[in-house]
Amino acid sequence: MRSFIGIGLPPECRMGIAGVVSSLRAKEVPVSWVPERNLHLTLKFLGEIPSARTDELAGLLAEAARDIPPFEFRMGDAGGFPTLRAPRVLWIGLREPLELVRKLHQNMENTLSGAGFPRDGRPFHPHVTVGRVKSRVAQGWGETYASAISGVTFDTVYVTSYRLYESRLSPSGANYQVLREVPFGGGADSTA
């Protein structure tokens, strides 16, 4: 199964992000916008893993989250990977302070690499993907996207857990299913 690890966003946060990008959706740009229900903070893409490893992964994620207390963050600036001038992915980042989300990511990478999952080769940049560019956008459009996001004030998001997701691809797009919800601070995990 195709899997990833992320932090779920509360409905009001997903609605706020969707509202901000709705004016951009109306423009004729070659972007596949992420549906509101799929918005999340990405921590690590695992790729294809056997479903038999779900319980093992949940245990590893619980170990990585043991010394992480619940925390809050705010959505912030907009960006693109690899750059806003030639974006393939459009995102909204998190604002400082990011110590706990970075510590969670580092703990997770250390724990998972010990179990045979390769580390990410790129620096960690906490973000919520909002769109994927299907073909080249007009020059300057990335800056237009960033300026549409930059003036928005998002509510504070309080998180108490993170999730192991399965991503099922279909002709209508990806559908995400929560396989495990792992609380911060060493609490018991649950199945969604």
C-alpha atoms as a PDB file:
ATOM      1  CA  MET A   1       0.000   0.000   0.000  1.00  0.00           C
ATOM      2  CA  ARG A   2       1.133   3.554  -0.764  1.00  0.00           C
ATOM      3  CA  SER A   3       1.685   5.344   2.546  1.00  0.00           C
ATOM      4  CA  PHE A   4       2.801   8.575   4.156  1.00  0.00           C
ATOM      5  CA  ILE A   5       2.997  10.210   7.580  1.00  0.00           C
ATOM      6  CA  GLY A   6       1.390  13.552   8.303  1.00  0.00           C
ATOM      7  CA  ILE A   7      -0.454  15.763  10.733  1.00  0.00           C
ATOM      8  CA  GLY A   8      -4.172  16.072  10.165  1.00  0.00           C
ATOM      9  CA  LEU A   9      -5.657  19.556  10.076  1.00  0.00           C
ATOM     10  CA  PRO A  10      -8.918  20.443  11.819  1.00  0.00           C
ATOM     11  CA  PRO A  11     -11.905  21.135   9.533  1.00  0.00           C
ATOM     12  CA  GLU A  12     -11.836  24.911  10.172  1.00  0.00           C
ATOM     13  CA  CYS A  13      -8.179  25.083   9.078  1.00  0.00           C
ATOM     14  CA  ARG A  14      -8.853  23.046   5.918  1.00  0.00           C
ATOM     15  CA  MET A  15     -11.856  25.286   5.165  1.00  0.00           C
ATOM     16  CA  GLY A  16      -9.720  28.398   5.644  1.00  0.00           C
ATOM     17  CA  ILE A  17      -7.053  27.147   3.252  1.00  0.00           C
ATOM     18  CA  ALA A  18      -9.655  26.063   0.701  1.00  0.00           C
ATOM     19  CA  GLY A  19     -11.299  29.485   0.929  1.00  0.00           C
ATOM     20  CA  VAL A  20      -8.010  31.250   0.258  1.00  0.00           C
ATOM     21  CA  VAL A  21      -7.174  29.154  -2.797  1.00  0.00           C
ATOM     22  CA  SER A  22     -10.739  29.238  -4.171  1.00  0.00           C
ATOM     23  CA  SER A  23     -10.096  32.490  -6.056  1.00  0.00           C
ATOM     24  CA  LEU A  24      -6.988  30.903  -7.574  1.00  0.00           C
ATOM     25  CA  ARG A  25      -8.967  27.804  -8.574  1.00  0.00           C
ATOM     26  CA  ALA A  26     -11.216  30.008 -10.701  1.00  0.00           C
ATOM     27  CA  LYS A  27      -8.287  31.161 -12.830  1.00  0.00           C
ATOM     28  CA  GLU A  28      -7.325  29.226 -15.923  1.00  0.00           C
ATOM     29  CA  VAL A  29      -4.036  27.742 -14.695  1.00  0.00           C
ATOM     30  CA  PRO A  30      -2.768  24.180 -15.183  1.00  0.00           C
ATOM     31  CA  VAL A  31      -2.896  23.264 -11.493  1.00  0.00           C
ATOM     32  CA  SER A  32      -4.459  20.227  -9.896  1.00  0.00           C
ATOM     33  CA  TRP A  33      -5.725  21.659  -6.604  1.00  0.00           C
ATOM     34  CA  VAL A  34      -5.745  19.412  -3.540  1.00  0.00           C
ATOM     35  CA  PRO A  35      -9.309  18.756  -2.350  1.00  0.00           C
ATOM     36  CA  GLU A  36     -10.140  20.280   1.021  1.00  0.00           C
ATOM     37  CA  ARG A  37     -10.600  16.833   2.609  1.00  0.00           C
ATOM     38  CA  ASN A  38      -6.984  15.881   1.697  1.00  0.00           C
ATOM     39  CA  LEU A  39      -5.187  18.913   3.155  1.00  0.00           C
ATOM     40  CA  HIS A  40      -2.616  17.876   5.763  1.00  0.00           C
ATOM     41  CA  LEU A  41       0.881  18.717   6.980  1.00  0.00           C
ATOM     42  CA  THR A  42       3.275  16.307   5.285  1.00  0.00           C
ATOM     43  CA  LEU A  43       6.017  14.769   7.433  1.00  0.00           C
ATOM     44  CA  LYS A  44       7.307  11.844   5.349  1.00  0.00           C
ATOM     45  CA  PHE A  45       6.320   9.929   2.230  1.00  0.00           C
ATOM     46  CA  LEU A  46       6.961   6.214   2.726  1.00  0.00           C
ATOM     47  CA  GLY A  47       5.941   4.915  -0.689  1.00  0.00           C
ATOM     48  CA  GLU A  48       4.822   1.322  -1.090  1.00  0.00           C
ATOM     49  CA  ILE A  49       4.901  -0.704   2.131  1.00  0.00           C
ATOM     50  CA  PRO A  50       3.352  -4.075   2.990  1.00  0.00           C
ATOM     51  CA  SER A  51       0.107  -3.715   4.953  1.00  0.00           C
ATOM     52  CA  ALA A  52       1.554  -6.241   7.426  1.00  0.00           C
ATOM     53  CA  ARG A  53       3.924  -3.474   8.644  1.00  0.00           C
ATOM     54  CA  THR A  54       1.104  -1.147   9.781  1.00  0.00           C
ATOM     55  CA  ASP A  55       1.248  -2.207  13.448  1.00  0.00           C
ATOM     56  CA  GLU A  56       5.063  -2.055  13.452  1.00  0.00           C
ATOM     57  CA  LEU A  57       4.963   1.449  11.951  1.00  0.00           C
ATOM     58  CA  ALA A  58       2.395   2.589  14.531  1.00  0.00           C
ATOM     59  CA  GLY A  59       4.717   1.386  17.287  1.00  0.00           C
ATOM     60  CA  LEU A  60       7.700   3.182  15.739  1.00  0.00           C
ATOM     61  CA  LEU A  61       5.679   6.387  15.383  1.00  0.00           C
ATOM     62  CA  ALA A  62       4.569   6.146  19.024  1.00  0.00           C
ATOM     63  CA  GLU A  63       8.212   5.778  20.054  1.00  0.00           C
ATOM     64  CA  ALA A  64       9.182   8.843  17.991  1.00  0.00           C
ATOM     65  CA  ALA A  65       6.373  10.905  19.574  1.00  0.00           C
ATOM     66  CA  ARG A  66       7.006   9.836  23.172  1.00  0.00           C
ATOM     67  CA  ASP A  67       8.794  13.064  24.200  1.00  0.00           C
ATOM     68  CA  ILE A  68       6.731  15.414  21.999  1.00  0.00           C
ATOM     69  CA  PRO A  69       3.987  17.284  23.857  1.00  0.00           C
ATOM     70  CA  PRO A  70       0.910  18.589  22.005  1.00  0.00           C
ATOM     71  CA  PHE A  71       1.774  21.843  20.250  1.00  0.00           C
ATOM     72  CA  GLU A  72       0.353  24.612  18.106  1.00  0.00           C
ATOM     73  CA  PHE A  73       1.356  26.305  14.894  1.00  0.00           C
ATOM     74  CA  ARG A  74       0.089  28.833  12.385  1.00  0.00           C
ATOM     75  CA  MET A  75       0.029  28.582   8.636  1.00  0.00           C
ATOM     76  CA  GLY A  76       2.198  31.192   6.994  1.00  0.00           C
ATOM     77  CA  ASP A  77       3.863  32.112   3.765  1.00  0.00           C
ATOM     78  CA  ALA A  78       3.292  30.483   0.405  1.00  0.00           C
ATOM     79  CA  GLY A  79       5.919  28.834  -1.711  1.00  0.00           C
ATOM     80  CA  GLY A  80       6.625  26.379  -4.455  1.00  0.00           C
ATOM     81  CA  PHE A  81       8.904  23.419  -5.021  1.00  0.00           C
ATOM     82  CA  PRO A  82      11.453  23.621  -6.498  1.00  0.00           C
ATOM     83  CA  THR A  83      10.897  27.408  -6.782  1.00  0.00           C
ATOM     84  CA  LEU A  84       8.011  29.839  -7.178  1.00  0.00           C
ATOM     85  CA  ARG A  85       9.349  30.871 -10.592  1.00  0.00           C
ATOM     86  CA  ALA A  86       8.938  27.332 -11.917  1.00  0.00           C
ATOM     87  CA  PRO A  87       6.746  25.510  -9.394  1.00  0.00           C
ATOM     88  CA  ARG A  88       5.750  21.868  -9.618  1.00  0.00           C
ATOM     89  CA  VAL A  89       4.158  21.919  -6.144  1.00  0.00           C
ATOM     90  CA  LEU A  90       2.379  24.863  -4.477  1.00  0.00           C
ATOM     91  CA  TRP A  91       2.340  24.957  -0.695  1.00  0.00           C
ATOM     92  CA  ILE A  92       1.581  26.958   2.415  1.00  0.00           C
ATOM     93  CA  GLY A  93       4.283  26.766   5.055  1.00  0.00           C
ATOM     94  CA  LEU A  94       4.275  26.987   8.820  1.00  0.00           C
ATOM     95  CA  ARG A  95       5.410  30.015  10.782  1.00  0.00           C
ATOM     96  CA  GLU A  96       7.912  29.942  13.608  1.00  0.00           C
ATOM     97  CA  PRO A  97       8.246  28.613  16.237  1.00  0.00           C
ATOM     98  CA  LEU A  98       8.768  25.212  14.622  1.00  0.00           C
ATOM     99  CA  GLU A  99      10.981  23.516  17.213  1.00  0.00           C
ATOM    100  CA  LEU A 100       8.486  20.780  18.123  1.00  0.00           C
ATOM    101  CA  VAL A 101       7.487  19.875  14.558  1.00  0.00           C
ATOM    102  CA  ARG A 102      11.190  19.742  13.621  1.00  0.00           C
ATOM    103  CA  LYS A 103      11.982  17.628  16.688  1.00  0.00           C
ATOM    104  CA  LEU A 104       9.099  15.277  15.825  1.00  0.00           C
ATOM    105  CA  HIS A 105      10.424  14.945  12.283  1.00  0.00           C
ATOM    106  CA  GLN A 106      13.967  14.247  13.488  1.00  0.00           C
ATOM    107  CA  ASN A 107      12.761  11.673  16.050  1.00  0.00           C
ATOM    108  CA  MET A 108      10.650  10.018  13.357  1.00  0.00           C
ATOM    109  CA  GLU A 109      13.541   9.896  10.855  1.00  0.00           C
ATOM    110  CA  ASN A 110      15.882   8.415  13.476  1.00  0.00           C
ATOM    111  CA  THR A 111      13.365   5.784  14.588  1.00  0.00           C
ATOM    112  CA  LEU A 112      12.255   4.793  11.097  1.00  0.00           C
ATOM    113  CA  SER A 113      15.782   4.642   9.669  1.00  0.00           C
ATOM    114  CA  GLY A 114      16.666   2.183  12.433  1.00  0.00           C
ATOM    115  CA  ALA A 115      13.846  -0.037  11.116  1.00  0.00           C
ATOM    116  CA  GLY A 116      15.062   0.092   7.510  1.00  0.00           C
ATOM    117  CA  PHE A 117      13.098   3.052   6.141  1.00  0.00           C
ATOM    118  CA  PRO A 118      15.437   5.375   4.224  1.00  0.00           C
ATOM    119  CA  ARG A 119      15.896   8.950   5.407  1.00  0.00           C
ATOM    120  CA  ASP A 120      14.645  11.787   3.230  1.00  0.00           C
ATOM    121  CA  GLY A 121      17.455  13.195   1.143  1.00  0.00           C
ATOM    122  CA  ARG A 122      16.068  16.737   1.213  1.00  0.00           C
ATOM    123  CA  PRO A 123      15.957  19.212   4.094  1.00  0.00           C
ATOM    124  CA  PHE A 124      12.662  19.137   5.996  1.00  0.00           C
ATOM    125  CA  HIS A 125      10.380  22.056   5.147  1.00  0.00           C
ATOM    126  CA  PRO A 126       7.040  21.739   6.975  1.00  0.00           C
ATOM    127  CA  HIS A 127       4.210  22.588   4.609  1.00  0.00           C
ATOM    128  CA  VAL A 128       0.713  21.845   3.399  1.00  0.00           C
ATOM    129  CA  THR A 129       0.570  21.023  -0.304  1.00  0.00           C
ATOM    130  CA  VAL A 130      -2.328  22.901  -1.922  1.00  0.00           C
ATOM    131  CA  GLY A 131      -1.701  22.230  -5.602  1.00  0.00           C
ATOM    132  CA  ARG A 132       0.382  20.359  -8.158  1.00  0.00           C
ATOM    133  CA  VAL A 133       1.298  22.103 -11.392  1.00  0.00           C
ATOM    134  CA  LYS A 134       0.382  19.938 -14.390  1.00  0.00           C
ATOM    135  CA  SER A 135       2.305  21.949 -16.981  1.00  0.00           C
ATOM    136  CA  ARG A 136       4.267  25.171 -17.104  1.00  0.00           C
ATOM    137  CA  VAL A 137       2.485  28.205 -15.624  1.00  0.00           C
ATOM    138  CA  ALA A 138       2.806  31.717 -17.025  1.00  0.00           C
ATOM    139  CA  GLN A 139       5.847  33.695 -15.953  1.00  0.00           C
ATOM    140  CA  GLY A 140       5.103  35.518 -12.702  1.00  0.00           C
ATOM    141  CA  TRP A 141       2.147  33.314 -11.786  1.00  0.00           C
ATOM    142  CA  GLY A 142       3.987  31.785  -8.799  1.00  0.00           C
ATOM    143  CA  GLU A 143       4.443  35.271  -7.370  1.00  0.00           C
ATOM    144  CA  THR A 144       0.731  35.938  -7.943  1.00  0.00           C
ATOM    145  CA  TYR A 145      -0.045  32.782  -5.961  1.00  0.00           C
ATOM    146  CA  ALA A 146       2.301  33.814  -3.126  1.00  0.00           C
ATOM    147  CA  SER A 147       0.861  37.325  -2.883  1.00  0.00           C
ATOM    148  CA  ALA A 148      -2.703  35.911  -2.680  1.00  0.00           C
ATOM    149  CA  ILE A 149      -1.650  33.879   0.377  1.00  0.00           C
ATOM    150  CA  SER A 150       0.682  36.382   2.061  1.00  0.00           C
ATOM    151  CA  GLY A 151      -2.019  38.755   3.287  1.00  0.00           C
ATOM    152  CA  VAL A 152      -4.094  36.030   4.953  1.00  0.00           C
ATOM    153  CA  THR A 153      -4.075  35.432   8.699  1.00  0.00           C
ATOM    154  CA  PHE A 154      -4.794  31.815   9.569  1.00  0.00           C
ATOM    155  CA  ASP A 155      -6.077  30.606  12.933  1.00  0.00           C
ATOM    156  CA  THR A 156      -3.707  28.805  15.288  1.00  0.00           C
ATOM    157  CA  VAL A 157      -3.797  25.026  14.884  1.00  0.00           C
ATOM    158  CA  TYR A 158      -3.452  22.895  18.030  1.00  0.00           C
ATOM    159  CA  VAL A 159      -2.323  19.314  17.406  1.00  0.00           C
ATOM    160  CA  THR A 160      -2.192  16.349  19.777  1.00  0.00           C
ATOM    161  CA  SER A 161      -1.289  13.550  17.350  1.00  0.00           C
ATOM    162  CA  TYR A 162      -0.014  12.570  13.944  1.00  0.00           C
ATOM    163  CA  ARG A 163      -1.123   9.931  11.465  1.00  0.00           C
ATOM    164  CA  LEU A 164      -0.094   7.068   9.252  1.00  0.00           C
ATOM    165  CA  TYR A 165      -2.077   7.423   6.027  1.00  0.00           C
ATOM    166  CA  GLU A 166      -2.747   5.203   3.059  1.00  0.00           C
ATOM    167  CA  SER A 167      -3.013   6.997  -0.274  1.00  0.00           C
ATOM    168  CA  ARG A 168      -5.268   5.265  -2.790  1.00  0.00           C
ATOM    169  CA  LEU A 169      -4.973   6.605  -6.315  1.00  0.00           C
ATOM    170  CA  SER A 170      -8.017   6.698  -8.581  1.00  0.00           C
ATOM    171  CA  PRO A 171      -8.946   8.430 -11.844  1.00  0.00           C
ATOM    172  CA  SER A 172     -10.650  11.167  -9.789  1.00  0.00           C
ATOM    173  CA  GLY A 173      -7.533  11.759  -7.653  1.00  0.00           C
ATOM    174  CA  ALA A 174      -6.012  10.491  -4.435  1.00  0.00           C
ATOM    175  CA  ASN A 175      -8.099   9.363  -1.486  1.00  0.00           C
ATOM    176  CA  TYR A 176      -6.452   9.291   1.920  1.00  0.00           C
ATOM    177  CA  GLN A 177      -7.391   6.859   4.656  1.00  0.00           C
ATOM    178  CA  VAL A 178      -6.076   7.212   8.204  1.00  0.00           C
ATOM    179  CA  LEU A 179      -4.563   3.859   9.202  1.00  0.00           C
ATOM    180  CA  ARG A 180      -3.340   4.903  12.647  1.00  0.00           C
ATOM    181  CA  GLU A 181      -3.639   8.008  14.799  1.00  0.00           C
ATOM    182  CA  VAL A 182      -0.587   8.320  17.081  1.00  0.00           C
ATOM    183  CA  PRO A 183      -0.890  10.708  20.045  1.00  0.00           C
ATOM    184  CA  PHE A 184       2.011  12.837  21.188  1.00  0.00           C
ATOM    185  CA  GLY A 185       3.490  12.192  24.607  1.00  0.00           C
ATOM    186  CA  GLY A 186       3.418   8.399  24.610  1.00  0.00           C
ATOM    187  CA  GLY A 187      -0.341   7.790  24.707  1.00  0.00           C
ATOM    188  CA  ALA A 188      -1.937   4.694  23.199  1.00  0.00           C
ATOM    189  CA  ASP A 189      -2.438   4.695  19.432  1.00  0.00           C
ATOM    190  CA  SER A 190      -5.777   4.136  17.807  1.00  0.00           C
ATOM    191  CA  THR A 191      -7.074   2.778  14.555  1.00  0.00           C
ATOM    192  CA  ALA A 192      -9.142   5.163  12.485  1.00  0.00           C
END
